[in-house]
Amino acid sequence: MIIDTKKLQKEVLDNKRRHNFNTTDIKFELLLLYGEVNELFKGWLKQDDDNINEELADVGIFLLGISEMLGSDLGKDIVDKIEINKNRIYKNGVKVSKK
């Protein structure tokens, strides 16, 4: 299944507006995202698969919302970054600096 991330971003932001959630303060959204990543980590520590999946979704929803708030396209940004990473040189899992 192909996902239209731009459509999802708009849907996430529309939902935030319907519920009177923040739609302008990026710093606040990043703090909330940090909290969701922490909840994901706690679920992983407990090996609670249902909670892990829900928290992964929450992290994704926050990323989509932040991307829409910034006028970005998260799907395109991910595809572009994957291409950049393909061309990077790593040694023992660490990026080698180009000189």
N, C-alpha and C. Protein backbone atom coordinates (compact mmCIF):
# COMPACT_ATOMS: atom_id res chain seq x y z
N MET A 1 0.85 -1.18 0.00
CA MET A 1 0.00 0.00 0.00
C MET A 1 0.89 1.24 0.00
N ILE A 2 0.58 2.17 -0.88
CA ILE A 2 1.29 3.44 -0.94
C ILE A 2 0.50 4.45 -0.11
N ILE A 3 1.22 5.20 0.69
CA ILE A 3 0.58 6.17 1.57
C ILE A 3 0.86 7.57 1.05
N ASP A 4 -0.18 8.36 0.94
CA ASP A 4 -0.05 9.76 0.54
C ASP A 4 0.22 10.58 1.81
N THR A 5 1.50 10.79 2.11
CA THR A 5 1.86 11.46 3.36
C THR A 5 1.35 12.90 3.39
N LYS A 6 1.33 13.57 2.26
CA LYS A 6 0.84 14.95 2.23
C LYS A 6 -0.63 14.99 2.64
N LYS A 7 -1.41 14.02 2.17
CA LYS A 7 -2.82 13.92 2.56
C LYS A 7 -2.94 13.64 4.06
N LEU A 8 -2.12 12.73 4.56
CA LEU A 8 -2.12 12.43 5.99
C LEU A 8 -1.75 13.65 6.82
N GLN A 9 -0.77 14.41 6.35
CA GLN A 9 -0.37 15.63 7.08
C GLN A 9 -1.54 16.57 7.23
N LYS A 10 -2.28 16.77 6.14
CA LYS A 10 -3.44 17.67 6.18
C LYS A 10 -4.50 17.11 7.12
N GLU A 11 -4.71 15.80 7.09
CA GLU A 11 -5.69 15.16 7.96
C GLU A 11 -5.31 15.33 9.44
N VAL A 12 -4.03 15.17 9.74
CA VAL A 12 -3.55 15.34 11.12
C VAL A 12 -3.79 16.77 11.58
N LEU A 13 -3.44 17.74 10.75
CA LEU A 13 -3.62 19.14 11.14
C LEU A 13 -5.10 19.50 11.26
N ASP A 14 -5.93 18.98 10.36
CA ASP A 14 -7.37 19.22 10.46
C ASP A 14 -7.92 18.66 11.77
N ASN A 15 -7.48 17.47 12.16
CA ASN A 15 -7.91 16.87 13.42
C ASN A 15 -7.48 17.72 14.61
N LYS A 16 -6.26 18.25 14.56
CA LYS A 16 -5.78 19.12 15.64
C LYS A 16 -6.66 20.36 15.74
N ARG A 17 -7.03 20.92 14.60
CA ARG A 17 -7.90 22.11 14.60
C ARG A 17 -9.27 21.79 15.18
N ARG A 18 -9.84 20.64 14.76
CA ARG A 18 -11.17 20.24 15.25
C ARG A 18 -11.20 20.08 16.77
N HIS A 19 -10.07 19.66 17.34
CA HIS A 19 -10.00 19.43 18.78
C HIS A 19 -9.34 20.59 19.54
N ASN A 20 -9.12 21.69 18.85
CA ASN A 20 -8.49 22.88 19.45
C ASN A 20 -7.11 22.59 20.04
N PHE A 21 -6.35 21.70 19.37
CA PHE A 21 -4.98 21.44 19.78
C PHE A 21 -4.08 22.50 19.13
N ASN A 22 -2.86 22.58 19.61
CA ASN A 22 -1.87 23.50 19.06
C ASN A 22 -1.66 23.23 17.57
N THR A 23 -1.60 24.31 16.79
CA THR A 23 -1.29 24.17 15.36
C THR A 23 -0.25 25.19 14.90
N THR A 24 0.36 25.89 15.85
CA THR A 24 1.30 26.94 15.46
C THR A 24 2.64 26.88 16.19
N ASP A 25 2.68 26.34 17.39
CA ASP A 25 3.89 26.39 18.22
C ASP A 25 4.73 25.13 17.99
N ILE A 26 5.71 25.26 17.11
CA ILE A 26 6.57 24.13 16.74
C ILE A 26 7.35 23.62 17.96
N LYS A 27 7.87 24.52 18.76
CA LYS A 27 8.65 24.10 19.93
C LYS A 27 7.80 23.21 20.85
N PHE A 28 6.55 23.59 21.06
CA PHE A 28 5.65 22.81 21.89
C PHE A 28 5.40 21.43 21.27
N GLU A 29 5.19 21.40 19.96
CA GLU A 29 4.97 20.12 19.27
C GLU A 29 6.19 19.21 19.38
N LEU A 30 7.38 19.80 19.29
CA LEU A 30 8.61 18.99 19.43
C LEU A 30 8.72 18.42 20.84
N LEU A 31 8.32 19.18 21.83
CA LEU A 31 8.32 18.67 23.21
C LEU A 31 7.32 17.51 23.35
N LEU A 32 6.14 17.66 22.76
CA LEU A 32 5.15 16.58 22.80
C LEU A 32 5.67 15.35 22.05
N LEU A 33 6.35 15.56 20.93
CA LEU A 33 6.95 14.46 20.18
C LEU A 33 7.96 13.71 21.05
N TYR A 34 8.77 14.45 21.77
CA TYR A 34 9.75 13.85 22.69
C TYR A 34 9.04 12.96 23.70
N GLY A 35 7.91 13.43 24.22
CA GLY A 35 7.13 12.64 25.17
C GLY A 35 6.63 11.35 24.54
N GLU A 36 6.18 11.41 23.29
CA GLU A 36 5.70 10.21 22.60
C GLU A 36 6.84 9.23 22.35
N VAL A 37 8.02 9.73 22.00
CA VAL A 37 9.18 8.85 21.81
C VAL A 37 9.52 8.18 23.14
N ASN A 38 9.41 8.91 24.24
CA ASN A 38 9.66 8.34 25.57
C ASN A 38 8.65 7.23 25.88
N GLU A 39 7.38 7.45 25.54
CA GLU A 39 6.36 6.42 25.76
C GLU A 39 6.65 5.19 24.90
N LEU A 40 7.12 5.40 23.68
CA LEU A 40 7.52 4.29 22.81
C LEU A 40 8.66 3.50 23.45
N PHE A 41 9.63 4.20 23.98
CA PHE A 41 10.76 3.56 24.63
C PHE A 41 10.30 2.72 25.83
N LYS A 42 9.41 3.27 26.62
CA LYS A 42 8.89 2.53 27.78
C LYS A 42 8.12 1.27 27.34
N GLY A 43 7.33 1.39 26.27
CA GLY A 43 6.63 0.23 25.74
C GLY A 43 7.59 -0.83 25.25
N TRP A 44 8.66 -0.39 24.61
CA TRP A 44 9.67 -1.33 24.13
C TRP A 44 10.36 -2.03 25.29
N LEU A 45 10.68 -1.27 26.34
CA LEU A 45 11.32 -1.88 27.52
C LEU A 45 10.44 -2.97 28.12
N LYS A 46 9.13 -2.75 28.10
CA LYS A 46 8.18 -3.72 28.67
C LYS A 46 7.81 -4.82 27.67
N GLN A 47 8.30 -4.70 26.42
CA GLN A 47 7.95 -5.64 25.34
C GLN A 47 6.44 -5.75 25.16
N ASP A 48 5.76 -4.61 25.27
CA ASP A 48 4.31 -4.52 25.13
C ASP A 48 3.99 -4.17 23.67
N ASP A 49 3.83 -5.21 22.83
CA ASP A 49 3.69 -5.00 21.39
C ASP A 49 2.52 -4.09 21.02
N ASP A 50 1.38 -4.24 21.69
CA ASP A 50 0.23 -3.38 21.38
C ASP A 50 0.57 -1.93 21.66
N ASN A 51 1.20 -1.69 22.80
CA ASN A 51 1.58 -0.32 23.16
C ASN A 51 2.66 0.22 22.22
N ILE A 52 3.59 -0.62 21.84
CA ILE A 52 4.65 -0.20 20.92
C ILE A 52 4.04 0.29 19.61
N ASN A 53 3.11 -0.46 19.06
CA ASN A 53 2.48 -0.07 17.79
C ASN A 53 1.71 1.23 17.93
N GLU A 54 1.00 1.39 19.03
CA GLU A 54 0.24 2.62 19.25
C GLU A 54 1.19 3.82 19.40
N GLU A 55 2.28 3.63 20.13
CA GLU A 55 3.22 4.73 20.32
C GLU A 55 3.98 5.05 19.03
N LEU A 56 4.29 4.04 18.23
CA LEU A 56 4.89 4.30 16.92
C LEU A 56 3.96 5.18 16.08
N ALA A 57 2.67 4.84 16.12
CA ALA A 57 1.69 5.64 15.38
C ALA A 57 1.64 7.07 15.92
N ASP A 58 1.68 7.24 17.24
CA ASP A 58 1.67 8.58 17.83
C ASP A 58 2.88 9.39 17.37
N VAL A 59 4.06 8.75 17.35
CA VAL A 59 5.27 9.44 16.89
C VAL A 59 5.09 9.87 15.44
N GLY A 60 4.58 8.96 14.61
CA GLY A 60 4.35 9.28 13.20
C GLY A 60 3.34 10.42 13.03
N ILE A 61 2.28 10.40 13.82
CA ILE A 61 1.26 11.45 13.74
C ILE A 61 1.87 12.81 14.10
N PHE A 62 2.67 12.84 15.15
CA PHE A 62 3.31 14.11 15.52
C PHE A 62 4.26 14.59 14.42
N LEU A 63 5.02 13.68 13.82
CA LEU A 63 5.92 14.06 12.73
C LEU A 63 5.14 14.60 11.54
N LEU A 64 4.04 13.95 11.21
CA LEU A 64 3.21 14.43 10.10
C LEU A 64 2.64 15.81 10.40
N GLY A 65 2.17 16.02 11.62
CA GLY A 65 1.63 17.32 11.99
C GLY A 65 2.67 18.42 11.96
N ILE A 66 3.83 18.13 12.48
CA ILE A 66 4.92 19.12 12.48
C ILE A 66 5.32 19.44 11.04
N SER A 67 5.40 18.43 10.20
CA SER A 67 5.75 18.66 8.79
C SER A 67 4.73 19.56 8.12
N GLU A 68 3.45 19.32 8.38
CA GLU A 68 2.40 20.17 7.79
C GLU A 68 2.49 21.59 8.32
N MET A 69 2.74 21.72 9.63
CA MET A 69 2.86 23.06 10.22
C MET A 69 4.02 23.83 9.60
N LEU A 70 5.07 23.11 9.21
CA LEU A 70 6.25 23.75 8.62
C LEU A 70 6.14 23.91 7.10
N GLY A 71 5.05 23.39 6.51
CA GLY A 71 4.88 23.48 5.07
C GLY A 71 5.79 22.52 4.31
N SER A 72 6.18 21.45 4.96
CA SER A 72 7.07 20.46 4.36
C SER A 72 6.26 19.28 3.86
N ASP A 73 6.91 18.35 3.18
CA ASP A 73 6.28 17.12 2.73
C ASP A 73 7.13 15.97 3.28
N LEU A 74 6.68 15.39 4.39
CA LEU A 74 7.48 14.39 5.09
C LEU A 74 7.81 13.20 4.20
N GLY A 75 6.87 12.75 3.39
CA GLY A 75 7.14 11.62 2.49
C GLY A 75 8.28 11.92 1.54
N LYS A 76 8.25 13.08 0.91
CA LYS A 76 9.32 13.49 -0.01
C LYS A 76 10.63 13.65 0.74
N ASP A 77 10.55 14.24 1.93
CA ASP A 77 11.76 14.45 2.73
C ASP A 77 12.42 13.11 3.08
N ILE A 78 11.60 12.10 3.41
CA ILE A 78 12.13 10.79 3.75
C ILE A 78 12.77 10.14 2.53
N VAL A 79 12.08 10.18 1.39
CA VAL A 79 12.63 9.61 0.16
C VAL A 79 13.96 10.29 -0.20
N ASP A 80 14.00 11.63 -0.11
CA ASP A 80 15.23 12.36 -0.41
C ASP A 80 16.35 11.96 0.54
N LYS A 81 16.03 11.81 1.82
CA LYS A 81 17.06 11.46 2.82
C LYS A 81 17.57 10.05 2.62
N ILE A 82 16.68 9.12 2.23
CA ILE A 82 17.12 7.75 1.94
C ILE A 82 18.14 7.76 0.81
N GLU A 83 17.90 8.57 -0.21
CA GLU A 83 18.85 8.66 -1.33
C GLU A 83 20.19 9.23 -0.87
N ILE A 84 20.15 10.25 -0.01
CA ILE A 84 21.39 10.81 0.54
C ILE A 84 22.15 9.73 1.31
N ASN A 85 21.43 8.99 2.15
CA ASN A 85 22.06 7.97 2.98
C ASN A 85 22.66 6.83 2.15
N LYS A 86 22.05 6.52 1.00
CA LYS A 86 22.58 5.46 0.13
C LYS A 86 23.99 5.80 -0.35
N ASN A 87 24.26 7.08 -0.53
CA ASN A 87 25.54 7.51 -1.06
C ASN A 87 26.57 7.85 0.00
N ARG A 88 26.20 7.75 1.26
CA ARG A 88 27.14 8.03 2.34
C ARG A 88 28.05 6.83 2.57
N ILE A 89 29.22 7.11 3.06
CA ILE A 89 30.17 6.05 3.38
C ILE A 89 30.22 5.91 4.90
N TYR A 90 30.06 4.66 5.34
CA TYR A 90 30.07 4.36 6.77
C TYR A 90 31.17 3.35 7.06
N LYS A 91 31.78 3.48 8.20
CA LYS A 91 32.76 2.51 8.66
C LYS A 91 32.38 2.14 10.09
N ASN A 92 32.07 0.85 10.30
CA ASN A 92 31.64 0.37 11.61
C ASN A 92 30.43 1.15 12.13
N GLY A 93 29.50 1.48 11.23
CA GLY A 93 28.28 2.16 11.62
C GLY A 93 28.41 3.65 11.84
N VAL A 94 29.57 4.21 11.55
CA VAL A 94 29.80 5.65 11.75
C VAL A 94 30.08 6.28 10.38
N LYS A 95 29.41 7.42 10.14
CA LYS A 95 29.59 8.11 8.86
C LYS A 95 31.03 8.62 8.76
N VAL A 96 31.64 8.36 7.62
CA VAL A 96 32.99 8.83 7.35
C VAL A 96 32.90 10.21 6.72
N SER A 97 33.62 11.16 7.27
CA SER A 97 33.60 12.53 6.74
C SER A 97 34.34 12.59 5.42
N LYS A 98 33.77 13.36 4.50
CA LYS A 98 34.46 13.59 3.21
C LYS A 98 35.47 14.70 3.41
N LYS A 99 36.63 14.51 2.84
CA LYS A 99 37.69 15.54 2.97
C LYS A 99 38.01 16.13 1.65
